[in-house]
Protein backbone atom coordinates (compact mmCIF):
# COMPACT_ATOMS: atom_id res chain seq x y z
CA UNK A 1 -4.42 25.64 13.92
CA UNK A 2 -1.01 25.41 12.30
CA UNK A 3 -0.80 23.74 8.87
CA UNK A 4 1.39 20.64 8.82
CA UNK A 5 2.25 20.95 5.13
CA UNK A 6 2.91 24.21 3.36
CA UNK A 7 3.77 24.90 -0.28
CA UNK A 8 7.47 24.16 0.21
CA UNK A 9 6.83 20.80 1.83
CA UNK A 10 4.60 19.13 -0.79
CA UNK A 11 7.04 16.28 -1.37
CA UNK A 12 6.73 15.22 2.26
CA UNK A 13 2.94 15.29 1.91
CA UNK A 14 3.14 13.05 -1.17
CA UNK A 15 5.50 10.64 0.62
CA UNK A 16 3.19 10.45 3.62
CA UNK A 17 0.14 9.85 1.40
CA UNK A 18 1.97 7.06 -0.45
CA UNK A 19 2.90 5.48 2.87
CA UNK A 20 -0.72 5.54 4.05
CA UNK A 21 -2.02 4.12 0.75
CA UNK A 22 0.53 1.28 0.67
CA UNK A 23 0.13 0.30 4.32
CA UNK A 24 -3.67 0.36 4.41
CA UNK A 25 -3.92 -1.15 0.91
CA UNK A 26 -1.78 -4.08 2.00
CA UNK A 27 -3.89 -4.55 5.12
CA UNK A 28 -7.06 -4.40 3.02
CA UNK A 29 -5.84 -7.01 0.53
CA UNK A 30 -4.79 -9.34 3.34
CA UNK A 31 -8.15 -9.00 5.08
CA UNK A 32 -9.92 -9.71 1.78
CA UNK A 33 -8.14 -13.06 1.48
CA UNK A 34 -9.02 -14.01 5.06
CA UNK A 35 -12.70 -14.10 4.05
CA UNK A 36 -11.95 -16.87 1.54
CA UNK A 37 -10.44 -19.35 4.02
CA UNK A 38 -12.15 -22.74 3.98
CA UNK A 39 -13.83 -22.20 0.61
CA UNK A 40 -13.14 -23.00 -3.02
CA UNK A 41 -12.88 -19.67 -4.79
CA UNK A 42 -12.12 -18.81 -8.40
CA UNK A 43 -9.75 -15.88 -8.71
CA UNK A 44 -10.03 -14.16 -12.08
CA UNK A 45 -6.60 -13.37 -13.52
CA UNK A 46 -6.99 -9.61 -14.05
CA UNK A 47 -7.95 -8.52 -10.49
CA UNK A 48 -5.49 -11.02 -9.07
CA UNK A 49 -2.73 -9.51 -11.23
CA UNK A 50 -3.63 -6.03 -9.98
CA UNK A 51 -3.51 -7.19 -6.35
CA UNK A 52 -0.13 -8.84 -6.93
CA UNK A 53 1.26 -5.76 -8.67
CA UNK A 54 0.07 -3.55 -5.84
CA UNK A 55 1.62 -5.82 -3.20
CA UNK A 56 4.97 -5.97 -5.02
CA UNK A 57 5.08 -2.20 -5.45
CA UNK A 58 4.13 -1.71 -1.78
CA UNK A 59 6.92 -4.01 -0.62
CA UNK A 60 9.46 -2.28 -2.85
CA UNK A 61 8.41 1.19 -1.67
CA UNK A 62 8.31 0.27 2.01
CA UNK A 63 11.68 -1.51 1.83
CA UNK A 64 13.22 1.44 -0.03
CA UNK A 65 11.83 3.89 2.54
CA UNK A 66 13.08 1.77 5.43
CA UNK A 67 16.58 1.46 3.95
CA UNK A 68 16.72 5.17 3.17
CA UNK A 69 15.81 6.18 6.74
CA UNK A 70 18.61 4.14 8.32
């Protein structure tokens, strides 16, 4: 089996891993909020701030990657 990433192509591996983390992390956060529909839920500030920070960084990275590939 041929290796997809060798020692000279580590930056592409890191970029692909970041893409996977941001896409699936965004999907995971959105599915978490779907479970709260129709209920009164208290959102503690610290985890909510982490979710918001992750979503903002994911949008910035995905937009930057999309603009760069055009």
